Protein backbone atom coordinates (compact mmCIF):
# COMPACT_ATOMS: atom_id res chain seq x y z
CA LEU A 1 33.40 -67.03 -28.98
CA SER A 2 34.88 -65.95 -25.70
CA ASN A 3 36.53 -62.55 -25.40
CA VAL A 4 39.92 -64.25 -25.08
CA LEU A 5 39.45 -66.12 -28.37
CA GLN A 6 38.13 -63.02 -30.13
CA SER A 7 41.03 -60.90 -28.88
CA ASP A 8 43.65 -63.26 -30.34
CA PRO A 9 44.17 -62.09 -33.96
CA CYS A 10 45.27 -65.52 -35.24
CA ILE A 11 42.34 -67.33 -33.64
CA SER A 12 39.72 -64.73 -34.58
CA PHE A 13 40.95 -64.74 -38.20
CA SER A 14 40.90 -68.56 -38.27
CA LEU A 15 37.31 -68.61 -37.04
CA SER A 16 35.93 -66.24 -39.66
CA ASN A 17 34.24 -66.93 -42.98
CA GLY A 18 33.41 -70.53 -42.25
CA ILE A 19 30.62 -72.75 -40.99
CA ALA A 20 29.94 -73.75 -37.40
CA GLU A 21 28.71 -77.13 -36.19
CA GLU A 22 27.77 -78.60 -39.56
CA SER A 23 27.42 -82.41 -39.77
CA PHE A 24 29.32 -84.45 -42.36
CA PHE A 25 28.63 -88.11 -43.12
CA ALA A 26 30.79 -90.77 -44.76
CA LYS A 27 31.36 -94.49 -44.90
CA VAL A 28 34.71 -95.37 -43.33
CA ASP A 29 35.95 -98.95 -43.44
CA GLY A 30 32.39 -100.13 -44.08
CA MET A 31 30.86 -98.17 -41.18
CA GLU A 32 28.62 -95.13 -41.49
CA VAL A 33 30.07 -92.26 -39.44
CA ARG A 34 29.17 -88.65 -38.71
CA VAL A 35 31.45 -85.83 -37.62
CA ARG A 36 30.44 -82.36 -36.48
CA PRO A 37 33.39 -79.98 -36.28
CA ASP A 38 33.04 -76.88 -34.16
CA TYR A 39 34.21 -74.74 -37.07
CA LEU A 40 35.27 -75.37 -40.67
CA THR A 41 36.88 -72.94 -43.10
CA LYS A 42 38.86 -73.23 -46.32
CA PHE A 43 41.96 -73.05 -44.09
CA GLY A 44 41.20 -75.89 -41.69
CA ILE A 45 39.07 -77.84 -39.26
CA TYR A 46 38.83 -76.34 -35.77
CA ASP A 47 37.79 -77.94 -32.50
CA LEU A 48 37.41 -75.86 -29.35
CA LYS A 49 38.37 -77.43 -26.04
CA THR A 50 38.13 -75.93 -22.57
CA THR A 51 40.86 -77.25 -20.35
CA ASN A 52 42.66 -76.86 -17.05
CA ASP A 53 46.01 -76.57 -18.86
CA ALA A 54 46.48 -75.13 -22.34
CA SER A 55 50.29 -75.32 -22.21
CA PRO A 56 51.97 -77.45 -24.90
CA GLU A 57 52.95 -80.15 -22.39
CA GLY A 58 49.71 -80.05 -20.41
CA PHE A 59 47.41 -80.04 -23.41
CA GLY A 60 49.51 -82.75 -25.06
CA LYS A 61 48.83 -84.98 -22.05
CA ILE A 62 45.12 -84.16 -22.28
CA ILE A 63 45.10 -85.09 -25.98
CA ALA A 64 46.66 -88.46 -25.12
CA ASN A 65 44.43 -89.15 -22.10
CA GLU A 66 41.18 -88.11 -23.78
CA LYS A 67 42.11 -89.67 -27.15
CA TYR A 68 41.49 -86.37 -28.97
CA HIS A 69 43.92 -87.43 -31.71
CA ILE A 70 41.41 -90.12 -32.73
CA GLN A 71 38.72 -87.46 -33.12
CA ALA A 72 41.12 -85.27 -35.14
CA ALA A 73 41.97 -88.10 -37.55
CA LEU A 74 38.36 -89.16 -38.07
CA TYR A 75 37.15 -85.60 -38.61
CA LYS A 76 39.99 -84.92 -41.03
CA ASP A 77 39.33 -88.09 -43.03
CA VAL A 78 35.54 -87.67 -43.23
CA ILE A 79 35.74 -84.02 -44.22
CA SER A 80 38.50 -84.76 -46.75
CA ALA A 81 36.33 -87.47 -48.32
CA PHE A 82 33.30 -85.17 -48.35
CA MET A 83 35.03 -82.05 -49.69
CA GLY A 84 37.78 -83.61 -51.79
CA VAL A 85 40.45 -81.50 -50.09
CA ASP A 86 42.88 -82.37 -47.28
CA LEU A 87 42.53 -79.70 -44.58
CA PRO A 88 44.70 -79.34 -41.47
CA PHE A 89 43.13 -79.98 -38.06
CA PHE A 90 43.53 -77.51 -35.19
CA PHE A 91 42.64 -77.62 -31.53
CA LEU A 92 41.82 -74.31 -29.85
CA ALA A 93 42.49 -74.88 -26.17
CA GLN A 94 41.23 -72.33 -23.66
CA GLU A 95 41.86 -72.56 -19.96
CA LYS A 96 38.82 -72.62 -17.65
CA ALA A 97 40.37 -70.35 -15.01
CA ALA A 98 41.66 -66.78 -15.13
CA PRO A 99 43.42 -65.48 -17.09
CA PHE A 100 41.68 -67.94 -19.49
CA VAL A 101 44.75 -68.46 -21.68
CA ALA A 102 43.96 -69.65 -25.20
CA GLN A 103 46.32 -71.48 -27.54
CA MET A 104 45.90 -72.86 -31.06
CA TYR A 105 47.55 -76.20 -31.88
CA LEU A 106 48.04 -77.82 -35.27
CA VAL A 107 47.74 -81.60 -35.00
CA PRO A 108 50.81 -82.98 -36.82
CA ASP A 109 50.57 -85.61 -39.57
CA TRP A 110 52.25 -88.32 -37.45
CA LEU A 111 49.61 -87.87 -34.72
CA ILE A 112 46.81 -87.92 -37.30
CA ALA A 113 48.28 -91.22 -38.59
CA GLN A 114 48.27 -92.68 -35.07
CA GLY A 115 44.68 -91.52 -34.52
CA ARG A 116 43.68 -93.04 -37.87
CA THR A 117 45.13 -96.41 -36.85
CA GLU A 118 43.27 -96.27 -33.54
CA TYR A 119 39.89 -95.27 -35.01
CA ARG A 120 40.16 -97.99 -37.65
CA GLU A 121 40.82 -100.57 -34.93
CA ALA A 122 37.78 -99.29 -33.03
CA LEU A 123 35.58 -99.38 -36.13
CA HIS A 124 36.77 -102.93 -36.86
CA SER A 125 35.90 -104.03 -33.31
CA LEU A 126 32.52 -102.32 -33.55
CA GLY A 127 31.83 -104.03 -36.90
CA GLN A 128 32.67 -107.42 -35.40
CA ALA A 129 30.39 -106.79 -32.41
CA ILE A 130 27.53 -105.74 -34.70
CA GLU A 131 28.00 -108.75 -36.98
CA ALA A 132 28.22 -111.29 -34.14
CA ASP A 133 25.81 -109.41 -31.86
CA VAL A 134 28.28 -110.02 -29.05
CA TRP A 135 29.06 -107.01 -26.87
CA THR A 136 31.98 -107.62 -24.54
CA ALA A 137 32.27 -105.84 -21.23
CA TYR A 138 35.05 -105.73 -18.68
CA GLN A 139 36.44 -109.22 -18.44
CA GLY A 140 38.45 -110.96 -15.76
CA GLU A 141 38.75 -113.96 -13.52
CA GLU A 142 36.08 -112.72 -11.08
CA ASN A 143 33.37 -112.71 -13.74
CA ARG A 144 30.43 -114.78 -12.42
CA ASP A 145 27.54 -114.76 -14.86
CA GLY A 146 28.17 -111.11 -15.65
CA VAL A 147 28.62 -110.05 -12.01
CA ARG A 148 32.01 -108.85 -10.82
CA ASP A 149 33.54 -107.60 -7.61
CA VAL A 150 34.18 -103.87 -7.55
CA SER A 151 37.84 -102.89 -7.65
CA PHE A 152 38.34 -100.50 -4.72
CA PRO A 153 41.67 -98.61 -4.62
CA ARG A 154 44.12 -99.86 -1.98
CA TRP A 155 44.85 -96.35 -0.74
CA ALA A 156 41.19 -95.88 0.20
CA ILE A 157 40.85 -99.08 2.25
CA LYS A 158 40.59 -98.55 6.03
CA GLU A 159 40.77 -101.30 8.62
CA VAL A 160 37.33 -102.01 9.95
CA LEU A 161 36.42 -104.01 13.06
CA VAL A 162 34.00 -106.73 12.10
């Protein structure tokens, strides 16, 4: 643990008397899955994230953009199935730049529910791809036998004399 995490009494207490990076396996919606939480105690499941912004608003955007809520829901469900107990899921966000602010976040039930819906949709799509042995890629009108034109951003296009 970093000095910042160790110096926070709530975080250091949360990350004591548990197990680090242990794998758990389960069958979820017919698919074999594995999760490996950073830390697990009788009080919760903890995932450490380094970030540019550990503020509530900034880290909330990061959770949405990186789909961390899907990870939280899957970890929570697999560990609950394995252990027979429903544990809360926490993110420990620590900023990458000085003063390396750290913040613990409890993932609320409504966000776990949304993540659960999204991981089940993903598992369903994966199951269909495995069954049909059809693996879709990016699709569009330009698709010519699997070859597409690159999509270059308009702001980066310069006029060139040809």
